[in-house]
Amino acid sequence: MAQIDVVHEPGSGPNPRAHWPVDMQQEFEENRNSGIVGSVLVSETDRLRVWHLHLPPGVRCGFHRHVLDYFWSCHSHGKARGWYDDGRIQDVIHHPGETKHFTFPLGTDFTHSVMNVGDTDLLFTTVEFKDSENEPLEIPDHVRLKEPN
C-alpha cells in the first residue's frame, strides 16, 4: 500500500485552490477540460485508451480531467505530489506494481496534476475505458504516439 502524506487539506469557500500559487490556479482553469492524462497516448481502440506517463525528477504533468473509468499501474519507485480540484495537495510514495482503479458515474469527474518530487523517474501506464458512463474527452493529435515511417 502506498504511503500518503497530506501536505494541505482540501480547501473551502468559493475557491478551494486559493492557497495555490496564482500561476497554478490559472493553469488549472485553462486545462480543467484537458483529456491528456499521460505523456503519450500509445494505443486507442473503440473501447479503450492506453497512456504512458513519464515524469523525471522535478517534472510535473499538466492539469487534466478524468471522466472515464480507468486504472493506472506504476512501474517504478518514487515520490509524487498531487494537486487536486478540491484544493488538496498530497504526497504519495509509489512502488512497482502499485495499481489503482477509478469509476466515474455519469456527470462525475476530477481534475488534478502530478509532480515527481523524488529523485528517480516515475513511470506509469494508464488505461481508460471509453465505454464508461461519461463521454470521452477529445485528445489532440500531438500527444498520440507517432508511428515510424
N, C-alpha and C. Protein backbone atom coordinates (compact mmCIF):
# COMPACT_ATOMS: atom_id res chain seq x y z
N MET A 1 0.84 -1.18 0.00
CA MET A 1 0.00 0.00 0.00
C MET A 1 0.88 1.24 0.00
N ALA A 2 0.47 2.24 -0.76
CA ALA A 2 1.23 3.47 -0.88
C ALA A 2 1.14 4.30 0.39
N GLN A 3 2.25 4.96 0.71
CA GLN A 3 2.25 5.91 1.83
C GLN A 3 1.75 7.25 1.30
N ILE A 4 0.75 7.82 1.96
CA ILE A 4 0.17 9.09 1.54
C ILE A 4 0.31 10.09 2.68
N ASP A 5 0.91 11.23 2.38
CA ASP A 5 1.03 12.32 3.34
C ASP A 5 0.30 13.53 2.79
N VAL A 6 -0.69 14.03 3.54
CA VAL A 6 -1.42 15.21 3.10
C VAL A 6 -0.57 16.43 3.42
N VAL A 7 -0.24 17.19 2.37
CA VAL A 7 0.55 18.41 2.53
C VAL A 7 -0.37 19.57 2.89
N HIS A 8 -1.56 19.57 2.29
CA HIS A 8 -2.55 20.61 2.57
C HIS A 8 -3.93 20.00 2.42
N GLU A 9 -4.79 20.20 3.40
CA GLU A 9 -6.15 19.68 3.39
C GLU A 9 -6.97 20.33 2.28
N PRO A 10 -8.08 19.70 1.89
CA PRO A 10 -8.96 20.34 0.90
C PRO A 10 -9.37 21.73 1.36
N GLY A 11 -9.49 22.63 0.40
CA GLY A 11 -9.88 24.00 0.71
C GLY A 11 -11.38 24.12 0.91
N SER A 12 -11.81 25.30 1.30
CA SER A 12 -13.24 25.58 1.44
C SER A 12 -13.51 26.95 0.84
N GLY A 13 -14.77 27.31 0.80
CA GLY A 13 -15.13 28.60 0.24
C GLY A 13 -15.27 28.52 -1.26
N PRO A 14 -15.44 29.68 -1.89
CA PRO A 14 -15.71 29.70 -3.33
C PRO A 14 -14.53 29.22 -4.17
N ASN A 15 -13.30 29.34 -3.69
CA ASN A 15 -12.13 28.86 -4.42
C ASN A 15 -11.31 27.96 -3.50
N PRO A 16 -11.53 26.64 -3.56
CA PRO A 16 -10.78 25.74 -2.67
C PRO A 16 -9.29 25.67 -3.00
N ARG A 17 -8.88 26.28 -4.11
CA ARG A 17 -7.47 26.28 -4.51
C ARG A 17 -6.78 27.62 -4.24
N ALA A 18 -7.41 28.48 -3.44
CA ALA A 18 -6.89 29.83 -3.19
C ALA A 18 -5.49 29.82 -2.57
N HIS A 19 -5.11 28.75 -1.88
CA HIS A 19 -3.79 28.66 -1.26
C HIS A 19 -2.70 28.25 -2.25
N TRP A 20 -3.08 27.87 -3.48
CA TRP A 20 -2.10 27.53 -4.51
C TRP A 20 -1.48 28.81 -5.06
N PRO A 21 -0.26 28.71 -5.62
CA PRO A 21 0.30 29.88 -6.32
C PRO A 21 -0.64 30.31 -7.45
N VAL A 22 -0.69 31.60 -7.74
CA VAL A 22 -1.61 32.15 -8.74
C VAL A 22 -1.41 31.49 -10.10
N ASP A 23 -0.15 31.23 -10.50
CA ASP A 23 0.08 30.63 -11.82
C ASP A 23 -0.49 29.21 -11.89
N MET A 24 -0.47 28.47 -10.78
CA MET A 24 -1.07 27.13 -10.77
C MET A 24 -2.58 27.21 -10.84
N GLN A 25 -3.17 28.17 -10.15
CA GLN A 25 -4.62 28.35 -10.24
C GLN A 25 -5.03 28.67 -11.67
N GLN A 26 -4.25 29.51 -12.33
CA GLN A 26 -4.55 29.88 -13.71
C GLN A 26 -4.40 28.67 -14.63
N GLU A 27 -3.33 27.89 -14.46
CA GLU A 27 -3.14 26.68 -15.27
C GLU A 27 -4.29 25.71 -15.06
N PHE A 28 -4.74 25.56 -13.81
CA PHE A 28 -5.88 24.69 -13.53
C PHE A 28 -7.09 25.12 -14.35
N GLU A 29 -7.41 26.41 -14.32
CA GLU A 29 -8.58 26.91 -15.05
C GLU A 29 -8.43 26.70 -16.55
N GLU A 30 -7.24 26.93 -17.09
CA GLU A 30 -7.00 26.80 -18.52
C GLU A 30 -7.08 25.36 -19.00
N ASN A 31 -6.76 24.39 -18.13
CA ASN A 31 -6.68 22.98 -18.52
C ASN A 31 -7.71 22.09 -17.86
N ARG A 32 -8.71 22.68 -17.24
CA ARG A 32 -9.68 21.88 -16.50
C ARG A 32 -10.47 20.91 -17.37
N ASN A 33 -10.44 21.08 -18.69
CA ASN A 33 -11.13 20.16 -19.59
C ASN A 33 -10.17 19.36 -20.46
N SER A 34 -8.90 19.34 -20.08
CA SER A 34 -7.90 18.59 -20.86
C SER A 34 -8.04 17.10 -20.58
N GLY A 35 -8.11 16.32 -21.65
CA GLY A 35 -8.16 14.87 -21.53
C GLY A 35 -6.80 14.21 -21.64
N ILE A 36 -5.73 15.00 -21.61
CA ILE A 36 -4.36 14.46 -21.75
C ILE A 36 -3.92 13.93 -20.39
N VAL A 37 -4.15 12.64 -20.15
CA VAL A 37 -3.88 12.04 -18.84
C VAL A 37 -2.52 11.35 -18.76
N GLY A 38 -1.69 11.52 -19.77
CA GLY A 38 -0.36 10.92 -19.77
C GLY A 38 0.58 11.72 -20.65
N SER A 39 1.81 11.24 -20.77
CA SER A 39 2.81 11.89 -21.63
C SER A 39 2.53 11.60 -23.09
N VAL A 40 2.10 10.37 -23.36
CA VAL A 40 1.85 9.96 -24.74
C VAL A 40 0.73 8.92 -24.76
N LEU A 41 -0.19 9.07 -25.72
CA LEU A 41 -1.25 8.09 -25.94
C LEU A 41 -0.67 7.03 -26.87
N VAL A 42 -0.38 5.83 -26.34
CA VAL A 42 0.33 4.81 -27.12
C VAL A 42 -0.59 3.89 -27.90
N SER A 43 -1.89 3.83 -27.51
CA SER A 43 -2.82 2.96 -28.22
C SER A 43 -4.23 3.44 -27.94
N GLU A 44 -5.09 3.32 -28.97
CA GLU A 44 -6.50 3.66 -28.79
C GLU A 44 -7.34 2.76 -29.69
N THR A 45 -8.43 2.25 -29.11
CA THR A 45 -9.41 1.47 -29.86
C THR A 45 -10.78 2.08 -29.59
N ASP A 46 -11.82 1.45 -30.10
CA ASP A 46 -13.17 1.90 -29.81
C ASP A 46 -13.51 1.75 -28.33
N ARG A 47 -12.80 0.87 -27.64
CA ARG A 47 -13.11 0.55 -26.24
C ARG A 47 -12.19 1.18 -25.22
N LEU A 48 -10.93 1.47 -25.58
CA LEU A 48 -10.00 1.96 -24.57
C LEU A 48 -8.90 2.83 -25.13
N ARG A 49 -8.24 3.53 -24.19
CA ARG A 49 -7.04 4.31 -24.47
C ARG A 49 -5.95 3.86 -23.51
N VAL A 50 -4.73 3.70 -24.04
CA VAL A 50 -3.59 3.31 -23.22
C VAL A 50 -2.57 4.44 -23.26
N TRP A 51 -2.24 4.93 -22.09
CA TRP A 51 -1.30 6.05 -21.95
C TRP A 51 -0.04 5.62 -21.21
N HIS A 52 1.08 6.24 -21.54
CA HIS A 52 2.29 6.16 -20.73
C HIS A 52 2.51 7.54 -20.13
N LEU A 53 2.92 7.56 -18.87
CA LEU A 53 3.29 8.81 -18.20
C LEU A 53 4.70 8.64 -17.68
N HIS A 54 5.60 9.51 -18.13
CA HIS A 54 6.98 9.51 -17.69
C HIS A 54 7.26 10.86 -17.04
N LEU A 55 7.60 10.83 -15.75
CA LEU A 55 7.91 12.06 -15.02
C LEU A 55 9.31 11.96 -14.43
N PRO A 56 10.31 12.60 -15.05
CA PRO A 56 11.63 12.67 -14.43
C PRO A 56 11.56 13.50 -13.14
N PRO A 57 12.56 13.41 -12.28
CA PRO A 57 12.55 14.21 -11.06
C PRO A 57 12.35 15.70 -11.36
N GLY A 58 11.46 16.33 -10.59
CA GLY A 58 11.18 17.75 -10.73
C GLY A 58 10.19 18.12 -11.81
N VAL A 59 9.70 17.15 -12.58
CA VAL A 59 8.77 17.43 -13.68
C VAL A 59 7.34 17.19 -13.21
N ARG A 60 6.44 18.08 -13.65
CA ARG A 60 5.02 17.97 -13.33
C ARG A 60 4.24 17.88 -14.63
N CYS A 61 3.27 16.96 -14.67
CA CYS A 61 2.37 16.89 -15.82
C CYS A 61 1.34 18.00 -15.67
N GLY A 62 0.77 18.41 -16.79
CA GLY A 62 -0.25 19.45 -16.75
C GLY A 62 -1.53 18.97 -16.10
N PHE A 63 -2.34 19.93 -15.67
CA PHE A 63 -3.64 19.57 -15.11
C PHE A 63 -4.46 18.88 -16.19
N HIS A 64 -5.20 17.88 -15.79
CA HIS A 64 -6.04 17.13 -16.71
C HIS A 64 -7.26 16.60 -15.95
N ARG A 65 -8.28 16.30 -16.73
CA ARG A 65 -9.56 15.90 -16.16
C ARG A 65 -9.85 14.44 -16.48
N HIS A 66 -10.23 13.70 -15.46
CA HIS A 66 -10.63 12.30 -15.62
C HIS A 66 -12.15 12.23 -15.61
N VAL A 67 -12.72 11.66 -16.69
CA VAL A 67 -14.17 11.46 -16.77
C VAL A 67 -14.51 9.99 -17.04
N LEU A 68 -13.53 9.23 -17.53
CA LEU A 68 -13.73 7.83 -17.88
C LEU A 68 -13.27 6.91 -16.74
N ASP A 69 -13.91 5.76 -16.61
CA ASP A 69 -13.39 4.74 -15.71
C ASP A 69 -11.98 4.40 -16.19
N TYR A 70 -11.07 4.20 -15.24
CA TYR A 70 -9.69 3.91 -15.63
C TYR A 70 -8.93 3.25 -14.50
N PHE A 71 -7.75 2.76 -14.84
CA PHE A 71 -6.80 2.33 -13.82
C PHE A 71 -5.42 2.76 -14.26
N TRP A 72 -4.54 2.91 -13.27
CA TRP A 72 -3.14 3.14 -13.57
C TRP A 72 -2.31 2.14 -12.80
N SER A 73 -1.14 1.84 -13.37
CA SER A 73 -0.15 0.98 -12.71
C SER A 73 1.19 1.69 -12.74
N CYS A 74 1.89 1.63 -11.63
CA CYS A 74 3.21 2.25 -11.52
C CYS A 74 4.28 1.21 -11.86
N HIS A 75 5.33 1.64 -12.55
CA HIS A 75 6.42 0.74 -12.94
C HIS A 75 7.73 1.04 -12.23
N SER A 76 7.73 1.99 -11.29
CA SER A 76 8.98 2.41 -10.67
C SER A 76 8.74 2.85 -9.22
N HIS A 77 9.83 2.96 -8.48
CA HIS A 77 9.78 3.53 -7.14
C HIS A 77 9.89 5.04 -7.26
N GLY A 78 9.20 5.76 -6.38
CA GLY A 78 9.35 7.21 -6.40
C GLY A 78 8.33 7.91 -5.53
N LYS A 79 8.42 9.24 -5.54
CA LYS A 79 7.53 10.07 -4.72
C LYS A 79 6.89 11.12 -5.61
N ALA A 80 5.57 11.24 -5.52
CA ALA A 80 4.82 12.20 -6.33
C ALA A 80 4.01 13.12 -5.42
N ARG A 81 3.80 14.33 -5.92
CA ARG A 81 2.90 15.28 -5.25
C ARG A 81 1.74 15.55 -6.18
N GLY A 82 0.53 15.45 -5.66
CA GLY A 82 -0.66 15.71 -6.45
C GLY A 82 -1.40 16.95 -5.98
N TRP A 83 -1.88 17.72 -6.95
CA TRP A 83 -2.74 18.88 -6.70
C TRP A 83 -4.11 18.52 -7.25
N TYR A 84 -5.15 18.60 -6.41
CA TYR A 84 -6.49 18.14 -6.77
C TYR A 84 -7.48 19.29 -6.80
N ASP A 85 -8.53 19.11 -7.60
CA ASP A 85 -9.52 20.18 -7.79
C ASP A 85 -10.19 20.63 -6.50
N ASP A 86 -10.19 19.79 -5.46
CA ASP A 86 -10.78 20.20 -4.18
C ASP A 86 -9.81 21.02 -3.34
N GLY A 87 -8.60 21.33 -3.89
CA GLY A 87 -7.61 22.12 -3.19
C GLY A 87 -6.59 21.30 -2.43
N ARG A 88 -6.84 20.02 -2.28
CA ARG A 88 -5.94 19.12 -1.55
C ARG A 88 -4.60 19.01 -2.28
N ILE A 89 -3.54 18.96 -1.50
CA ILE A 89 -2.19 18.67 -2.02
C ILE A 89 -1.69 17.50 -1.19
N GLN A 90 -1.23 16.44 -1.87
CA GLN A 90 -0.75 15.29 -1.10
C GLN A 90 0.45 14.65 -1.78
N ASP A 91 1.33 14.10 -0.96
CA ASP A 91 2.48 13.37 -1.43
C ASP A 91 2.22 11.88 -1.28
N VAL A 92 2.68 11.10 -2.28
CA VAL A 92 2.47 9.66 -2.28
C VAL A 92 3.78 8.98 -2.64
N ILE A 93 4.15 7.95 -1.89
CA ILE A 93 5.30 7.11 -2.22
C ILE A 93 4.77 5.97 -3.09
N HIS A 94 5.31 5.85 -4.31
CA HIS A 94 4.87 4.81 -5.25
C HIS A 94 5.89 3.68 -5.34
N HIS A 95 5.41 2.52 -5.78
CA HIS A 95 6.28 1.35 -5.93
C HIS A 95 5.83 0.55 -7.16
N PRO A 96 6.74 -0.23 -7.75
CA PRO A 96 6.37 -1.02 -8.93
C PRO A 96 5.22 -1.98 -8.63
N GLY A 97 4.29 -2.04 -9.57
CA GLY A 97 3.14 -2.93 -9.43
C GLY A 97 1.95 -2.30 -8.73
N GLU A 98 2.15 -1.15 -8.10
CA GLU A 98 1.03 -0.46 -7.45
C GLU A 98 0.00 -0.11 -8.53
N THR A 99 -1.25 -0.42 -8.28
CA THR A 99 -2.32 -0.20 -9.26
C THR A 99 -3.54 0.34 -8.53
N LYS A 100 -4.17 1.35 -9.12
CA LYS A 100 -5.38 1.96 -8.56
C LYS A 100 -6.46 2.00 -9.64
N HIS A 101 -7.69 1.70 -9.25
CA HIS A 101 -8.85 1.71 -10.16
C HIS A 101 -9.81 2.83 -9.76
N PHE A 102 -10.41 3.46 -10.76
CA PHE A 102 -11.35 4.56 -10.54
C PHE A 102 -12.58 4.36 -11.41
N THR A 103 -13.75 4.70 -10.88
CA THR A 103 -15.01 4.62 -11.60
C THR A 103 -15.71 5.98 -11.49
N PHE A 104 -16.25 6.44 -12.61
CA PHE A 104 -16.93 7.74 -12.64
C PHE A 104 -18.37 7.59 -13.11
N PRO A 105 -19.33 7.65 -12.17
CA PRO A 105 -20.73 7.65 -12.58
C PRO A 105 -21.02 8.87 -13.46
N LEU A 106 -22.10 8.82 -14.18
CA LEU A 106 -22.49 9.88 -15.09
C LEU A 106 -22.44 11.25 -14.40
N GLY A 107 -21.75 12.19 -15.05
CA GLY A 107 -21.66 13.55 -14.55
C GLY A 107 -20.58 13.80 -13.51
N THR A 108 -19.78 12.79 -13.20
CA THR A 108 -18.72 12.98 -12.21
C THR A 108 -17.35 12.97 -12.89
N ASP A 109 -16.37 13.57 -12.21
CA ASP A 109 -15.02 13.67 -12.74
C ASP A 109 -14.10 14.19 -11.65
N PHE A 110 -12.81 14.25 -11.93
CA PHE A 110 -11.90 15.04 -11.11
C PHE A 110 -10.75 15.52 -11.97
N THR A 111 -10.18 16.64 -11.55
CA THR A 111 -9.07 17.27 -12.26
C THR A 111 -7.89 17.35 -11.30
N HIS A 112 -6.70 17.04 -11.82
CA HIS A 112 -5.51 17.10 -10.98
C HIS A 112 -4.25 17.23 -11.82
N SER A 113 -3.15 17.41 -11.14
CA SER A 113 -1.81 17.43 -11.73
C SER A 113 -0.89 16.65 -10.79
N VAL A 114 0.15 16.03 -11.35
CA VAL A 114 1.08 15.22 -10.56
C VAL A 114 2.51 15.67 -10.87
N MET A 115 3.31 15.82 -9.82
CA MET A 115 4.72 16.20 -9.98
C MET A 115 5.59 15.16 -9.31
N ASN A 116 6.71 14.84 -9.95
CA ASN A 116 7.71 13.96 -9.36
C ASN A 116 8.55 14.79 -8.39
N VAL A 117 8.38 14.55 -7.10
CA VAL A 117 9.15 15.27 -6.08
C VAL A 117 10.23 14.37 -5.47
N GLY A 118 10.49 13.24 -6.13
CA GLY A 118 11.53 12.33 -5.68
C GLY A 118 12.79 12.49 -6.51
N ASP A 119 13.66 11.49 -6.41
CA ASP A 119 14.94 11.57 -7.14
C ASP A 119 15.11 10.44 -8.16
N THR A 120 14.01 9.75 -8.50
CA THR A 120 14.02 8.71 -9.53
C THR A 120 12.90 9.00 -10.53
N ASP A 121 13.06 8.53 -11.75
CA ASP A 121 11.98 8.69 -12.74
C ASP A 121 10.74 7.93 -12.28
N LEU A 122 9.59 8.53 -12.48
CA LEU A 122 8.31 7.86 -12.24
C LEU A 122 7.73 7.45 -13.59
N LEU A 123 7.29 6.19 -13.67
CA LEU A 123 6.72 5.64 -14.90
C LEU A 123 5.39 4.97 -14.58
N PHE A 124 4.36 5.36 -15.33
CA PHE A 124 3.02 4.81 -15.13
C PHE A 124 2.43 4.41 -16.48
N THR A 125 1.52 3.45 -16.43
CA THR A 125 0.63 3.15 -17.55
C THR A 125 -0.78 3.40 -17.05
N THR A 126 -1.57 4.12 -17.85
CA THR A 126 -2.97 4.39 -17.53
C THR A 126 -3.84 3.83 -18.65
N VAL A 127 -4.89 3.12 -18.28
CA VAL A 127 -5.83 2.58 -19.25
C VAL A 127 -7.20 3.18 -18.94
N GLU A 128 -7.76 3.90 -19.93
CA GLU A 128 -9.09 4.49 -19.82
C GLU A 128 -10.08 3.65 -20.61
N PHE A 129 -11.28 3.47 -20.07
CA PHE A 129 -12.32 2.70 -20.73
C PHE A 129 -13.32 3.66 -21.37
N LYS A 130 -13.32 3.70 -22.71
CA LYS A 130 -14.14 4.65 -23.44
C LYS A 130 -15.63 4.34 -23.38
N ASP A 131 -15.99 3.11 -22.97
CA ASP A 131 -17.40 2.75 -22.85
C ASP A 131 -17.93 3.04 -21.44
N SER A 132 -17.33 4.03 -20.78
CA SER A 132 -17.77 4.46 -19.45
C SER A 132 -19.06 5.25 -19.56
N GLU A 133 -19.64 5.64 -18.43
CA GLU A 133 -20.90 6.38 -18.43
C GLU A 133 -20.76 7.79 -19.01
N ASN A 134 -19.57 8.40 -18.89
CA ASN A 134 -19.33 9.74 -19.43
C ASN A 134 -18.70 9.65 -20.81
N GLU A 135 -18.95 10.65 -21.63
CA GLU A 135 -18.35 10.70 -22.97
C GLU A 135 -16.86 10.97 -22.86
N PRO A 136 -16.04 10.33 -23.70
CA PRO A 136 -14.59 10.60 -23.69
C PRO A 136 -14.31 12.05 -24.10
N LEU A 137 -13.27 12.62 -23.52
CA LEU A 137 -12.82 13.95 -23.91
C LEU A 137 -12.00 13.84 -25.19
N GLU A 138 -11.97 14.91 -25.95
CA GLU A 138 -11.16 14.94 -27.18
C GLU A 138 -9.68 14.93 -26.83
N ILE A 139 -8.90 14.24 -27.66
CA ILE A 139 -7.45 14.16 -27.46
C ILE A 139 -6.77 14.74 -28.69
N PRO A 140 -5.89 15.73 -28.51
CA PRO A 140 -5.19 16.31 -29.66
C PRO A 140 -4.17 15.34 -30.25
N ASP A 141 -3.93 15.47 -31.55
CA ASP A 141 -3.00 14.57 -32.24
C ASP A 141 -1.58 14.63 -31.70
N HIS A 142 -1.15 15.78 -31.18
CA HIS A 142 0.26 15.92 -30.78
C HIS A 142 0.66 15.01 -29.61
N VAL A 143 -0.29 14.43 -28.88
CA VAL A 143 0.07 13.52 -27.79
C VAL A 143 -0.03 12.05 -28.19
N ARG A 144 -0.43 11.80 -29.42
CA ARG A 144 -0.53 10.42 -29.90
C ARG A 144 0.85 9.91 -30.35
N LEU A 145 1.13 8.65 -30.06
CA LEU A 145 2.38 8.03 -30.46
C LEU A 145 2.49 8.08 -31.99
N LYS A 146 3.60 8.55 -32.47
CA LYS A 146 3.83 8.63 -33.91
C LYS A 146 4.42 7.32 -34.38
N GLU A 147 3.81 6.74 -35.41
CA GLU A 147 4.31 5.50 -35.99
C GLU A 147 5.58 5.79 -36.79
N PRO A 148 6.59 4.91 -36.71
CA PRO A 148 7.80 5.13 -37.50
C PRO A 148 7.48 5.02 -39.01
N ASN A 149 8.20 5.80 -39.80
CA ASN A 149 7.98 5.78 -41.27
C ASN A 149 8.52 4.53 -41.88
